[in-house]
C-alpha atoms as a PDB file:
ATOM      1  CA  MET A   1     128.331 139.074  91.561  1.00  0.00           C
ATOM      2  CA  ASP A   2     130.786 141.662  90.289  1.00  0.00           C
ATOM      3  CA  GLU A   3     133.562 140.076  88.197  1.00  0.00           C
ATOM      4  CA  GLU A   4     136.072 142.756  89.175  1.00  0.00           C
ATOM      5  CA  ARG A   5     135.466 142.113  92.870  1.00  0.00           C
ATOM      6  CA  ILE A   6     135.986 138.380  92.346  1.00  0.00           C
ATOM      7  CA  ARG A   7     139.158 139.018  90.339  1.00  0.00           C
ATOM      8  CA  GLU A   8     140.494 141.188  93.186  1.00  0.00           C
ATOM      9  CA  GLU A   9     139.676 138.435  95.670  1.00  0.00           C
ATOM     10  CA  ILE A  10     141.543 135.855  93.567  1.00  0.00           C
ATOM     11  CA  ASN A  11     144.576 138.112  93.230  1.00  0.00           C
ATOM     12  CA  LYS A  12     144.618 138.974  96.933  1.00  0.00           C
ATOM     13  CA  ARG A  13     144.377 135.348  97.990  1.00  0.00           C
ATOM     14  CA  SER A  14     146.810 134.056  95.337  1.00  0.00           C
ATOM     15  CA  GLU A  15     149.504 136.504  96.404  1.00  0.00           C
ATOM     16  CA  LYS A  16     149.370 135.131  99.958  1.00  0.00           C
ATOM     17  CA  VAL A  17     149.541 131.417  99.075  1.00  0.00           C
ATOM     18  CA  THR A  18     152.405 129.507 100.708  1.00  0.00           C
ATOM     19  CA  GLU A  19     153.648 125.925 100.537  1.00  0.00           C
ATOM     20  CA  ASP A  20     151.673 125.314 103.753  1.00  0.00           C
ATOM     21  CA  ASP A  21     148.531 126.395 101.903  1.00  0.00           C
ATOM     22  CA  VAL A  22     149.331 123.937  99.101  1.00  0.00           C
ATOM     23  CA  LYS A  23     149.669 121.201 101.715  1.00  0.00           C
ATOM     24  CA  LYS A  24     146.362 122.226 103.325  1.00  0.00           C
ATOM     25  CA  ALA A  25     144.553 122.156  99.964  1.00  0.00           C
ATOM     26  CA  VAL A  26     145.997 118.721  99.150  1.00  0.00           C
ATOM     27  CA  GLU A  27     145.107 117.357 102.586  1.00  0.00           C
ATOM     28  CA  SER A  28     141.586 118.841 102.340  1.00  0.00           C
ATOM     29  CA  SER A  29     140.923 117.541  98.835  1.00  0.00           C
ATOM     30  CA  GLU A  30     138.317 114.950  99.865  1.00  0.00           C
ATOM     31  CA  GLU A  31     136.443 117.543 101.914  1.00  0.00           C
ATOM     32  CA  ILE A  32     136.491 119.956  98.964  1.00  0.00           C
ATOM     33  CA  LEU A  33     135.238 117.287  96.552  1.00  0.00           C
ATOM     34  CA  THR A  34     132.476 116.280  98.970  1.00  0.00           C
ATOM     35  CA  LYS A  35     131.355 119.895  99.336  1.00  0.00           C
ATOM     36  CA  VAL A  36     131.269 120.406  95.566  1.00  0.00           C
ATOM     37  CA  LYS A  37     129.501 117.125  94.865  1.00  0.00           C
ATOM     38  CA  SER A  38     126.882 117.644  97.576  1.00  0.00           C
ATOM     39  CA  SER A  39     125.750 121.019  96.260  1.00  0.00           C
ATOM     40  CA  SER A  40     123.384 120.898  93.304  1.00  0.00           C
ATOM     41  CA  PHE A  41     124.505 124.428  92.457  1.00  0.00           C
ATOM     42  CA  PHE A  42     128.155 123.392  92.409  1.00  0.00           C
ATOM     43  CA  SER A  43     128.037 119.786  91.196  1.00  0.00           C
ATOM     44  CA  LYS A  44     128.275 120.713  87.495  1.00  0.00           C
ATOM     45  CA  GLN A  45     131.808 121.921  88.219  1.00  0.00           C
ATOM     46  CA  PHE A  46     132.896 118.652  89.845  1.00  0.00           C
ATOM     47  CA  ALA A  47     135.133 117.514  86.958  1.00  0.00           C
ATOM     48  CA  LYS A  48     136.949 120.855  86.926  1.00  0.00           C
ATOM     49  CA  VAL A  49     137.552 120.744  90.677  1.00  0.00           C
ATOM     50  CA  GLU A  50     138.679 117.122  90.498  1.00  0.00           C
ATOM     51  CA  LEU A  51     141.159 117.961  87.719  1.00  0.00           C
ATOM     52  CA  LEU A  52     142.536 120.913  89.671  1.00  0.00           C
ATOM     53  CA  ILE A  53     143.010 118.724  92.732  1.00  0.00           C
ATOM     54  CA  MET A  54     144.665 116.005  90.653  1.00  0.00           C
ATOM     55  CA  MET A  55     147.035 118.586  89.150  1.00  0.00           C
ATOM     56  CA  LEU A  56     147.796 120.078  92.559  1.00  0.00           C
ATOM     57  CA  LYS A  57     148.530 116.657  94.068  1.00  0.00           C
ATOM     58  CA  ASP A  58     150.897 115.793  91.224  1.00  0.00           C
ATOM     59  CA  TYR A  59     152.651 119.123  91.722  1.00  0.00           C
ATOM     60  CA  TRP A  60     152.874 118.585  95.491  1.00  0.00           C
ATOM     61  CA  ASN A  61     154.272 115.056  95.044  1.00  0.00           C
ATOM     62  CA  GLY A  62     156.885 116.327  92.587  1.00  0.00           C
ATOM     63  CA  GLU A  63     155.442 114.311  89.707  1.00  0.00           C
ATOM     64  CA  TYR A  64     154.368 117.342  87.657  1.00  0.00           C
ATOM     65  CA  THR A  65     156.447 120.466  88.064  1.00  0.00           C
ATOM     66  CA  GLU A  66     156.033 122.036  84.614  1.00  0.00           C
ATOM     67  CA  VAL A  67     153.610 124.592  85.965  1.00  0.00           C
ATOM     68  CA  PRO A  68     154.325 128.160  87.077  1.00  0.00           C
ATOM     69  CA  TRP A  69     153.890 129.002  90.764  1.00  0.00           C
ATOM     70  CA  GLY A  70     151.227 131.597  89.876  1.00  0.00           C
ATOM     71  CA  ILE A  71     149.028 128.829  88.453  1.00  0.00           C
ATOM     72  CA  ILE A  72     149.494 126.693  91.560  1.00  0.00           C
ATOM     73  CA  ALA A  73     148.738 129.700  93.773  1.00  0.00           C
ATOM     74  CA  ALA A  74     145.525 130.418  91.836  1.00  0.00           C
ATOM     75  CA  ILE A  75     144.413 126.777  92.139  1.00  0.00           C
ATOM     76  CA  VAL A  76     145.131 126.742  95.872  1.00  0.00           C
ATOM     77  CA  ALA A  77     143.359 130.065  96.381  1.00  0.00           C
ATOM     78  CA  ALA A  78     140.274 128.763  94.545  1.00  0.00           C
ATOM     79  CA  LEU A  79     140.201 125.431  96.389  1.00  0.00           C
ATOM     80  CA  LEU A  80     140.650 126.992  99.819  1.00  0.00           C
ATOM     81  CA  TYR A  81     137.997 129.575  98.941  1.00  0.00           C
ATOM     82  CA  ILE A  82     135.582 126.747  98.150  1.00  0.00           C
ATOM     83  CA  LEU A  83     136.463 125.118 101.461  1.00  0.00           C
ATOM     84  CA  SER A  84     135.837 128.280 103.484  1.00  0.00           C
ATOM     85  CA  PRO A  85     132.207 128.798 104.557  1.00  0.00           C
ATOM     86  CA  ILE A  86     132.807 132.513 105.158  1.00  0.00           C
ATOM     87  CA  ASP A  87     133.672 134.433 102.000  1.00  0.00           C
ATOM     88  CA  LEU A  88     132.152 137.178  99.823  1.00  0.00           C
ATOM     89  CA  ILE A  89     128.753 135.481 100.083  1.00  0.00           C
ATOM     90  CA  PRO A  90     128.689 133.123 103.098  1.00  0.00           C
ATOM     91  CA  ASP A  91     127.915 129.553 102.028  1.00  0.00           C
ATOM     92  CA  PHE A  92     125.155 129.121 104.601  1.00  0.00           C
ATOM     93  CA  ILE A  93     122.896 131.656 102.828  1.00  0.00           C
ATOM     94  CA  PRO A  94     120.252 129.567 101.033  1.00  0.00           C
ATOM     95  CA  PHE A  95     120.255 129.514  97.224  1.00  0.00           C
ATOM     96  CA  ILE A  96     123.024 132.092  96.741  1.00  0.00           C
ATOM     97  CA  GLY A  97     125.714 130.962  99.194  1.00  0.00           C
ATOM     98  CA  TYR A  98     127.786 129.187  96.543  1.00  0.00           C
ATOM     99  CA  THR A  99     127.381 131.806  93.818  1.00  0.00           C
ATOM    100  CA  ASP A 100     130.691 133.480  94.587  1.00  0.00           C
ATOM    101  CA  ASP A 101     132.481 130.129  94.948  1.00  0.00           C
ATOM    102  CA  VAL A 102     131.365 129.017  91.486  1.00  0.00           C
ATOM    103  CA  ALA A 103     132.101 132.434  89.957  1.00  0.00           C
ATOM    104  CA  LEU A 104     135.593 132.445  91.458  1.00  0.00           C
ATOM    105  CA  LEU A 105     136.251 128.879  90.298  1.00  0.00           C
ATOM    106  CA  LEU A 106     135.108 129.648  86.746  1.00  0.00           C
ATOM    107  CA  LEU A 107     137.201 132.808  86.590  1.00  0.00           C
ATOM    108  CA  VAL A 108     140.303 130.951  87.780  1.00  0.00           C
ATOM    109  CA  TRP A 109     139.504 128.132  85.332  1.00  0.00           C
ATOM    110  CA  ALA A 110     139.254 130.586  82.428  1.00  0.00           C
ATOM    111  CA  ASN A 111     142.632 132.064  83.342  1.00  0.00           C
ATOM    112  CA  ILE A 112     144.499 128.782  83.783  1.00  0.00           C
ATOM    113  CA  SER A 113     142.739 126.388  81.385  1.00  0.00           C
ATOM    114  CA  ARG A 114     145.693 126.397  78.971  1.00  0.00           C
ATOM    115  CA  GLU A 115     147.953 125.072  81.748  1.00  0.00           C
ATOM    116  CA  VAL A 116     145.309 122.550  82.789  1.00  0.00           C
ATOM    117  CA  LYS A 117     145.158 121.286  79.180  1.00  0.00           C
ATOM    118  CA  LYS A 118     148.954 120.829  79.171  1.00  0.00           C
ATOM    119  CA  TYR A 119     148.690 118.918  82.413  1.00  0.00           C
ATOM    120  CA  CYS A 120     145.895 116.738  81.004  1.00  0.00           C
ATOM    121  CA  GLN A 121     147.983 115.905  77.939  1.00  0.00           C
ATOM    122  CA  TRP A 122     150.779 114.743  80.241  1.00  0.00           C
ATOM    123  CA  LYS A 123     148.522 112.935  82.742  1.00  0.00           C
ATOM    124  CA  SER A 124     146.356 111.246  80.091  1.00  0.00           C
ATOM    125  CA  GLN A 125     149.357 109.242  78.915  1.00  0.00           C
ATOM    126  CA  MET A 126     149.233 107.261  82.165  1.00  0.00           C
ATOM    127  CA  ASP A 127     145.766 107.782  83.614  1.00  0.00           C
ATOM    128  CA  GLU A 128     142.431 106.992  81.971  1.00  0.00           C
ATOM    129  CA  LYS A 129     140.573 108.976  84.631  1.00  0.00           C
ATOM    130  CA  ALA A 130     142.395 112.138  83.526  1.00  0.00           C
ATOM    131  CA  LYS A 131     141.209 111.524  79.954  1.00  0.00           C
ATOM    132  CA  ALA A 132     137.616 111.159  81.106  1.00  0.00           C
ATOM    133  CA  LEU A 133     137.769 114.261  83.305  1.00  0.00           C
ATOM    134  CA  TYR A 134     139.292 116.233  80.452  1.00  0.00           C
ATOM    135  CA  ARG A 135     136.378 115.327  78.172  1.00  0.00           C
ATOM    136  CA  VAL A 136     133.849 116.429  80.799  1.00  0.00           C
ATOM    137  CA  ALA A 137     135.654 119.578  81.967  1.00  0.00           C
ATOM    138  CA  PHE A 138     136.461 120.934  78.529  1.00  0.00           C
END
């Protein structure tokens, strides 16, 4: 999987993200988590996905707003990409269907991990689960 092609896909999708897309990602969070957890190829990234969803929900609810829109857009783009069965490599293709999903997630994660760490510092003050996810994801 070509990193440049994935980067272009992230940028293209992030630029189009709207508040409705944020809502869709939040409302689809259980479906996204189930998809990630049920795939042996993807399950190692579960803590990262769960943290991103937690961060997105706190943003959506107005509890955590100290995050630039570009970060939110990248998270939403990654989560909705995971949700979509038709993407660069369709998910139904055995053995390789999730390759692009994981690559895209890891590329987004690498680009936004500093903001996720800030969020975890804030969230960990009130939520033990955030502390545990932080230890696993980082």
